[in-house]
Protein backbone atom coordinates (compact mmCIF):
# COMPACT_ATOMS: atom_id res chain seq x y z
CA UNK A 1 0.00 0.06 0.04
CA UNK A 2 1.18 3.54 -0.59
CA UNK A 3 1.90 6.00 1.71
CA UNK A 4 3.27 8.94 -0.15
CA UNK A 5 4.03 10.00 -3.44
CA UNK A 6 6.00 12.99 -5.09
CA UNK A 7 5.49 14.07 -8.46
CA UNK A 8 8.25 16.22 -10.53
CA UNK A 9 7.79 17.36 -13.79
CA UNK A 10 4.80 15.05 -14.25
CA UNK A 11 2.23 15.98 -16.49
CA UNK A 12 0.51 19.24 -15.12
CA UNK A 13 2.27 19.04 -11.68
CA UNK A 14 5.61 20.82 -10.99
CA UNK A 15 6.52 19.88 -7.83
CA UNK A 16 3.85 18.33 -5.78
CA UNK A 17 3.52 15.69 -2.45
CA UNK A 18 0.52 13.44 -1.69
CA UNK A 19 -0.18 11.45 1.66
CA UNK A 20 -2.39 8.43 1.35
CA UNK A 21 -4.25 6.34 4.07
CA UNK A 22 -4.58 2.54 3.86
CA UNK A 23 -8.30 2.82 2.98
CA UNK A 24 -10.31 4.99 0.47
CA UNK A 25 -8.47 8.20 -0.95
CA UNK A 26 -11.06 10.38 -2.59
CA UNK A 27 -9.44 12.91 -5.19
CA UNK A 28 -11.94 15.27 -5.69
CA UNK A 29 -11.18 18.82 -7.64
CA UNK A 30 -13.07 20.69 -11.02
CA UNK A 31 -12.38 19.26 -14.14
CA UNK A 32 -8.53 20.31 -15.70
CA UNK A 33 -7.45 20.14 -11.70
CA UNK A 34 -5.11 16.92 -12.29
CA UNK A 35 -7.23 14.65 -10.67
CA UNK A 36 -6.48 11.73 -13.39
CA UNK A 37 -3.16 12.98 -14.06
CA UNK A 38 -2.39 11.92 -10.12
CA UNK A 39 -4.21 8.39 -10.63
CA UNK A 40 -2.13 8.24 -14.04
CA UNK A 41 0.97 8.59 -11.65
CA UNK A 42 -0.08 6.05 -9.05
CA UNK A 43 -0.52 3.86 -11.99
CA UNK A 44 2.62 4.35 -13.81
CA UNK A 45 4.57 3.78 -10.44
CA UNK A 46 2.96 0.90 -9.88
CA UNK A 47 2.88 -0.74 -13.75
CA UNK A 48 5.27 1.04 -15.33
CA UNK A 49 3.05 2.91 -18.11
CA UNK A 50 -0.08 4.51 -18.93
CA UNK A 51 -3.21 3.43 -19.73
CA UNK A 52 -3.68 7.13 -21.87
CA UNK A 53 -0.37 8.63 -23.06
CA UNK A 54 2.84 7.55 -24.38
CA UNK A 55 6.25 7.78 -21.99
CA UNK A 56 7.11 11.32 -23.98
CA UNK A 57 3.93 12.80 -22.90
CA UNK A 58 4.07 12.09 -19.24
CA UNK A 59 7.07 14.66 -18.96
CA UNK A 60 5.64 18.11 -18.21
CA UNK A 61 5.56 20.64 -21.04
CA UNK A 62 8.63 22.29 -21.72
CA UNK A 63 10.30 19.77 -19.18
CA UNK A 64 13.49 17.40 -20.22
CA UNK A 65 12.36 15.03 -17.33
CA UNK A 66 9.88 13.70 -15.18
CA UNK A 67 10.15 11.62 -11.85
CA UNK A 68 8.03 10.03 -9.38
CA UNK A 69 8.83 8.88 -5.98
CA UNK A 70 6.66 6.81 -3.98
CA UNK A 71 7.03 5.38 -0.30
CA UNK A 72 5.06 2.24 0.78
CA UNK A 73 3.27 2.15 4.28
CA UNK A 74 6.10 -0.20 5.26
CA UNK A 75 8.45 2.33 4.15
CA UNK A 76 9.66 0.33 0.95
CA UNK A 77 10.95 2.94 -1.55
CA UNK A 78 10.04 3.21 -5.56
CA UNK A 79 11.43 5.93 -8.23
CA UNK A 80 10.23 6.37 -12.07
CA UNK A 81 12.61 8.33 -14.09
CA UNK A 82 11.85 9.77 -17.67
CA UNK A 83 14.34 11.53 -19.87
CA UNK A 84 13.62 12.85 -22.64
CA UNK A 85 17.30 13.58 -24.27
CA UNK A 86 19.17 12.65 -26.05
CA UNK A 87 16.63 9.67 -26.62
CA UNK A 88 13.55 9.00 -24.21
CA UNK A 89 14.51 6.72 -21.55
CA UNK A 90 12.50 5.23 -18.63
CA UNK A 91 14.48 3.76 -15.40
CA UNK A 92 12.78 2.52 -12.30
CA UNK A 93 14.49 2.23 -8.66
CA UNK A 94 12.93 0.03 -5.95
CA UNK A 95 14.04 -0.07 -2.76
CA UNK A 96 17.65 1.00 -4.35
CA UNK A 97 18.25 -1.36 -6.68
CA UNK A 98 17.79 -0.19 -10.40
CA UNK A 99 15.68 -1.74 -13.43
CA UNK A 100 15.26 -1.05 -17.54
CA UNK A 101 11.79 -2.54 -17.08
CA UNK A 102 9.30 -3.73 -14.51
CA UNK A 103 8.38 -7.53 -14.48
CA UNK A 104 5.45 -9.16 -12.92
CA UNK A 105 7.35 -9.37 -9.33
CA UNK A 106 8.31 -5.87 -9.80
CA UNK A 107 5.00 -4.50 -10.35
CA UNK A 108 2.37 -3.50 -7.64
CA UNK A 109 -0.48 -5.03 -8.04
CA UNK A 110 -3.84 -2.93 -9.94
CA UNK A 111 -7.17 -2.46 -10.88
CA UNK A 112 -8.05 0.23 -13.01
CA UNK A 113 -11.56 1.14 -13.56
CA UNK A 114 -12.09 4.27 -15.93
CA UNK A 115 -15.07 5.66 -18.16
CA UNK A 116 -14.19 4.03 -21.41
CA UNK A 117 -14.43 0.64 -19.60
CA UNK A 118 -18.13 0.87 -19.06
CA UNK A 119 -18.17 0.72 -23.07
CA UNK A 120 -16.21 -2.59 -23.28
CA UNK A 121 -19.44 -4.60 -24.26
CA UNK A 122 -20.90 -1.76 -26.48
CA UNK A 123 -17.38 -1.56 -27.83
CA UNK A 124 -15.27 -3.31 -30.52
CA UNK A 125 -13.84 -6.78 -29.60
CA UNK A 126 -10.22 -4.92 -28.67
CA UNK A 127 -11.58 -3.12 -25.79
CA UNK A 128 -12.38 -6.90 -24.69
CA UNK A 129 -9.11 -8.15 -25.73
CA UNK A 130 -7.22 -5.77 -23.85
CA UNK A 131 -9.37 -6.74 -20.69
CA UNK A 132 -8.13 -10.17 -20.70
CA UNK A 133 -4.33 -9.43 -21.73
CA UNK A 134 -4.30 -6.85 -19.17
CA UNK A 135 -5.59 -9.57 -16.57
CA UNK A 136 -3.12 -12.10 -17.45
CA UNK A 137 -0.38 -9.78 -17.43
CA UNK A 138 -0.70 -9.14 -13.83
CA UNK A 139 -1.43 -13.03 -13.28
CA UNK A 140 0.72 -15.13 -15.41
CA UNK A 141 4.31 -14.86 -15.35
CA UNK A 142 5.69 -13.82 -18.71
CA UNK A 143 2.57 -13.18 -20.31
CA UNK A 144 3.69 -9.57 -20.65
CA UNK A 145 6.59 -10.53 -22.91
CA UNK A 146 4.46 -13.02 -24.78
CA UNK A 147 2.13 -10.00 -25.60
CA UNK A 148 4.81 -7.97 -26.69
CA UNK A 149 6.53 -10.86 -28.67
CA UNK A 150 3.22 -11.36 -30.50
CA UNK A 151 2.79 -7.51 -31.38
CA UNK A 152 6.26 -7.13 -32.86
CA UNK A 153 6.19 -10.53 -34.75
CA UNK A 154 2.89 -9.43 -36.05
CA UNK A 155 3.87 -5.79 -37.03
CA UNK A 156 6.82 -7.19 -38.83
CA UNK A 157 4.22 -9.34 -41.16
CA UNK A 158 1.96 -6.97 -41.98
CA UNK A 159 4.81 -4.63 -42.77
CA UNK A 160 6.17 -7.19 -45.53
CA UNK A 161 2.63 -7.06 -47.01
CA UNK A 162 2.75 -3.63 -47.46
CA UNK A 163 6.02 -3.89 -49.07
CA UNK A 164 6.75 -4.55 -53.08
CA UNK A 165 8.04 -7.80 -53.06
CA UNK A 166 8.58 -10.91 -55.54
CA UNK A 167 8.71 -13.88 -53.46
CA UNK A 168 6.42 -12.62 -50.79
CA UNK A 169 5.49 -16.11 -49.77
CA UNK A 170 9.20 -17.41 -48.90
CA UNK A 171 9.87 -13.86 -46.98
CA UNK A 172 6.91 -14.79 -45.03
CA UNK A 173 7.55 -18.25 -43.88
CA UNK A 174 9.52 -17.74 -40.94
CA UNK A 175 6.93 -15.04 -39.60
CA UNK A 176 3.96 -17.29 -40.25
CA UNK A 177 5.71 -20.04 -37.94
CA UNK A 178 6.81 -17.73 -35.53
CA UNK A 179 3.29 -15.78 -34.99
CA UNK A 180 1.37 -19.29 -35.26
CA UNK A 181 3.72 -20.30 -32.16
CA UNK A 182 3.28 -17.42 -30.27
CA UNK A 183 -0.59 -16.92 -31.21
CA UNK A 184 -1.04 -20.77 -29.74
CA UNK A 185 0.37 -19.20 -26.43
CA UNK A 186 -1.92 -16.36 -26.41
CA UNK A 187 -4.85 -18.37 -27.16
CA UNK A 188 -4.65 -21.26 -24.70
CA UNK A 189 -4.22 -18.41 -21.93
CA UNK A 190 -6.75 -16.33 -22.93
CA UNK A 191 -9.26 -19.34 -23.05
CA UNK A 192 -8.17 -20.59 -19.77
CA UNK A 193 -8.76 -17.33 -18.32
CA UNK A 194 -12.16 -17.11 -19.76
CA UNK A 195 -12.96 -20.77 -18.25
CA UNK A 196 -11.78 -19.37 -14.70
CA UNK A 197 -13.93 -16.06 -15.31
CA UNK A 198 -17.24 -18.23 -16.40
CA UNK A 199 -16.99 -20.08 -12.95
CA UNK A 200 -17.76 -16.75 -11.07
CA UNK A 201 -19.56 -14.76 -13.57
CA UNK A 202 -23.01 -16.12 -13.43
CA UNK A 203 -23.49 -16.24 -9.81
CA UNK A 204 -21.71 -12.27 -9.36
CA UNK A 205 -23.87 -11.03 -12.26
CA UNK A 206 -27.11 -12.49 -10.03
CA UNK A 207 -26.16 -11.04 -7.50
CA UNK A 208 -25.20 -7.48 -8.63
CA UNK A 209 -28.32 -7.05 -10.70
CA UNK A 210 -31.03 -9.15 -8.88
CA UNK A 211 -32.22 -10.65 -12.22
CA UNK A 212 -32.32 -14.23 -13.18
CA UNK A 213 -30.76 -14.02 -16.48
CA UNK A 214 -28.12 -16.53 -17.47
CA UNK A 215 -24.98 -14.86 -18.13
CA UNK A 216 -22.22 -17.04 -20.19
CA UNK A 217 -18.44 -16.17 -21.08
CA UNK A 218 -16.74 -17.76 -23.67
CA UNK A 219 -13.59 -17.20 -25.53
CA UNK A 220 -14.32 -16.42 -29.52
CA UNK A 221 -11.31 -18.51 -30.88
CA UNK A 222 -11.36 -19.76 -34.81
CA UNK A 223 -9.96 -22.91 -34.22
CA UNK A 224 -9.45 -25.39 -31.10
CA UNK A 225 -6.85 -24.56 -28.60
CA UNK A 226 -4.94 -27.68 -28.75
CA UNK A 227 -4.13 -27.30 -32.61
CA UNK A 228 -4.79 -23.49 -32.80
CA UNK A 229 -0.72 -22.98 -34.64
CA UNK A 230 -1.26 -25.81 -37.14
CA UNK A 231 -4.46 -24.39 -38.34
CA UNK A 232 -3.35 -20.80 -37.90
CA UNK A 233 -0.28 -21.44 -40.25
CA UNK A 234 -2.30 -23.19 -42.58
CA UNK A 235 -4.75 -20.20 -43.10
CA UNK A 236 -1.69 -17.92 -42.94
CA UNK A 237 -0.18 -20.05 -45.76
CA UNK A 238 -3.44 -19.97 -47.76
CA UNK A 239 -4.44 -16.08 -47.40
CA UNK A 240 -1.04 -14.31 -48.24
CA UNK A 241 -2.67 -12.49 -51.40
CA UNK A 242 -5.70 -11.71 -49.68
CA UNK A 243 -3.65 -10.28 -46.62
CA UNK A 244 -1.44 -8.27 -49.24
CA UNK A 245 -4.66 -6.59 -50.65
CA UNK A 246 -5.87 -5.85 -46.88
CA UNK A 247 -2.28 -4.60 -46.00
CA UNK A 248 -2.74 -6.43 -42.86
CA UNK A 249 -2.84 -10.20 -41.27
CA UNK A 250 -6.74 -11.03 -40.62
CA UNK A 251 -6.33 -14.27 -38.98
CA UNK A 252 -5.09 -14.70 -35.33
CA UNK A 253 -5.67 -13.89 -31.90
CA UNK A 254 -5.77 -10.33 -32.29
CA UNK A 255 -9.02 -10.52 -34.58
CA UNK A 256 -10.97 -12.75 -31.81
CA UNK A 257 -13.28 -11.82 -28.89
CA UNK A 258 -14.47 -12.42 -25.66
CA UNK A 259 -18.48 -13.47 -26.27
CA UNK A 260 -20.61 -12.97 -23.68
CA UNK A 261 -24.09 -14.22 -23.84
CA UNK A 262 -27.45 -13.11 -21.94
CA UNK A 263 -29.77 -16.22 -21.94
CA UNK A 264 -28.22 -17.50 -24.76
CA UNK A 265 -28.10 -14.26 -26.79
CA UNK A 266 -24.88 -12.12 -27.52
CA UNK A 267 -25.00 -9.70 -25.14
CA UNK A 268 -23.00 -7.36 -27.43
CA UNK A 269 -26.22 -6.54 -29.59
CA UNK A 270 -28.83 -7.18 -27.01
CA UNK A 271 -27.54 -5.86 -23.68
CA UNK A 272 -29.01 -2.68 -22.50
CA UNK A 273 -26.99 0.41 -21.05
CA UNK A 274 -27.61 -0.96 -17.16
CA UNK A 275 -26.95 -4.59 -18.15
CA UNK A 276 -23.68 -4.18 -19.80
CA UNK A 277 -22.66 -1.79 -16.76
CA UNK A 278 -23.86 -4.61 -14.53
CA UNK A 279 -21.36 -7.15 -16.30
CA UNK A 280 -18.52 -4.55 -16.42
CA UNK A 281 -18.74 -4.33 -12.72
CA UNK A 282 -18.92 -8.00 -12.50
CA UNK A 283 -15.47 -8.37 -14.35
CA UNK A 284 -13.76 -5.86 -12.74
CA UNK A 285 -14.70 -7.76 -9.43
CA UNK A 286 -13.60 -10.76 -10.88
CA UNK A 287 -10.32 -9.17 -12.16
CA UNK A 288 -9.78 -8.41 -8.42
CA UNK A 289 -9.92 -11.54 -7.02
CA UNK A 290 -7.87 -13.03 -9.95
CA UNK A 291 -5.15 -10.76 -9.27
CA UNK A 292 -5.54 -11.46 -5.33
CA UNK A 293 -5.29 -15.39 -6.11
CA UNK A 294 -2.22 -15.18 -8.11
CA UNK A 295 -0.28 -12.49 -6.15
CA UNK A 296 -1.30 -13.61 -2.93
CA UNK A 297 -1.76 -9.57 -2.22
CA UNK A 298 -4.90 -7.30 -2.64
CA UNK A 299 -4.31 -4.85 -5.72
CA UNK A 300 -4.69 -1.24 -5.42
CA UNK A 301 -7.98 0.07 -6.79
CA UNK A 302 -7.95 3.17 -9.16
CA UNK A 303 -11.28 4.22 -9.96
CA UNK A 304 -11.13 7.54 -12.70
CA UNK A 305 -14.40 9.48 -12.18
CA UNK A 306 -16.64 6.17 -12.90
CA UNK A 307 -18.67 6.52 -9.09
CA UNK A 308 -20.85 9.32 -11.04
CA UNK A 309 -21.29 7.07 -13.85
CA UNK A 310 -23.20 4.04 -11.58
CA UNK A 311 -26.26 4.24 -9.85
CA UNK A 312 -26.89 3.55 -6.53
CA UNK A 313 -27.33 -0.26 -6.53
CA UNK A 314 -24.29 -0.60 -8.41
CA UNK A 315 -22.32 1.61 -6.38
CA UNK A 316 -23.24 0.10 -3.11
CA UNK A 317 -22.18 -3.11 -5.13
CA UNK A 318 -18.85 -1.71 -5.56
CA UNK A 319 -17.96 -0.50 -2.36
CA UNK A 320 -18.80 -3.86 -0.77
CA UNK A 321 -15.86 -4.70 -2.50
CA UNK A 322 -13.58 -2.64 -1.14
CA UNK A 323 -12.99 -3.31 2.37
CA UNK A 324 -9.73 -4.77 1.70
CA UNK A 325 -8.21 -2.73 -1.06
CA UNK A 326 -6.48 0.82 -0.61
CA UNK A 327 -8.49 2.75 -3.31
CA UNK A 328 -7.93 5.73 -5.21
CA UNK A 329 -11.31 7.70 -6.58
CA UNK A 330 -11.36 10.70 -8.27
CA UNK A 331 -14.54 13.01 -8.71
CA UNK A 332 -15.61 16.08 -8.96
CA UNK A 333 -18.56 15.87 -6.45
CA UNK A 334 -16.69 14.34 -2.91
CA UNK A 335 -20.56 14.03 -1.64
CA UNK A 336 -21.34 11.54 -4.45
CA UNK A 337 -18.64 9.32 -2.72
CA UNK A 338 -18.51 9.90 0.57
CA UNK A 339 -22.38 8.83 1.32
CA UNK A 340 -21.23 5.43 0.55
CA UNK A 341 -18.38 5.30 2.97
CA UNK A 342 -19.33 4.84 6.78
CA UNK A 343 -15.69 5.06 7.57
CA UNK A 344 -13.06 7.44 7.79
CA UNK A 345 -12.12 8.52 3.96
CA UNK A 346 -8.82 10.72 3.03
CA UNK A 347 -10.37 13.50 0.80
CA UNK A 348 -7.41 14.71 -1.39
CA UNK A 349 -8.42 18.27 -2.59
CA UNK A 350 -7.18 19.77 -6.04
CA UNK A 351 -7.71 23.37 -6.95
CA UNK A 352 -5.02 23.68 -9.57
């Protein structure tokens, strides 16, 4: 749990410090006061990256570097430094030891819930793929590396498809093999995660919604997971001409989806706004539980301006899940949040 943070040249902060409590920390202020920037700083120092912008944009305007320093309630210190010149570099220091990248063991487990997540069901499949991959990155050792390797290999194959080339099939073959190998690992991890989600989702959705709707989650794999590599390799070999015309790779886990059914019907097509929000809330609660089990530690919970987006029943359902989590909530109206917490909260007012 974080006890304090100092931000230097980070986004809208020149040099500011904040103290936190182990329970609920409410960051309140008008729009453009830096609420989300502070939440973003907590995420960067925990996981190493922002969910909104690339590293260069984390440095304040006209500054050459940015620095975040935190101390935990137990006294452990963490530092993140971003330097723009001569090239962008990001370094970490944990308990006095330097790191160039944070592995799962160095990251602080954290669950982020922000307004865009409420469109997870109604939006495109990329949102749902990212949900699965983000959970896997925090619960399965090595998945973050696998995810990056797959993206790089896919980018290499797509780049070849866009170049004028004589013997394209020969040039693509090693990339097809590598992409298929990585894809099989990605799909098996995702499918296994969805099986775990399915164990909890139906009952949790009923508890949150108080309706009898039967909810089911499936992973929309193009082929059986056990033979995925072989099937994808064949498909990549036979669709070279089509992919070249399109300019991108049209098959693989980057084109698949998390499918949710409400009473046997695709929720993406039939869910109401309230049903969709209840489902996303359930998925976020499951994310918290899965990370807690995998890491044997309760994750930090970051709620970026979502409390006002939920109705009274869903707010109450969410607050029931917060008792064991250090929570950071941004809002323009502290009263909306305070009325749901009988315990003492730490209110952090922002004005600039």
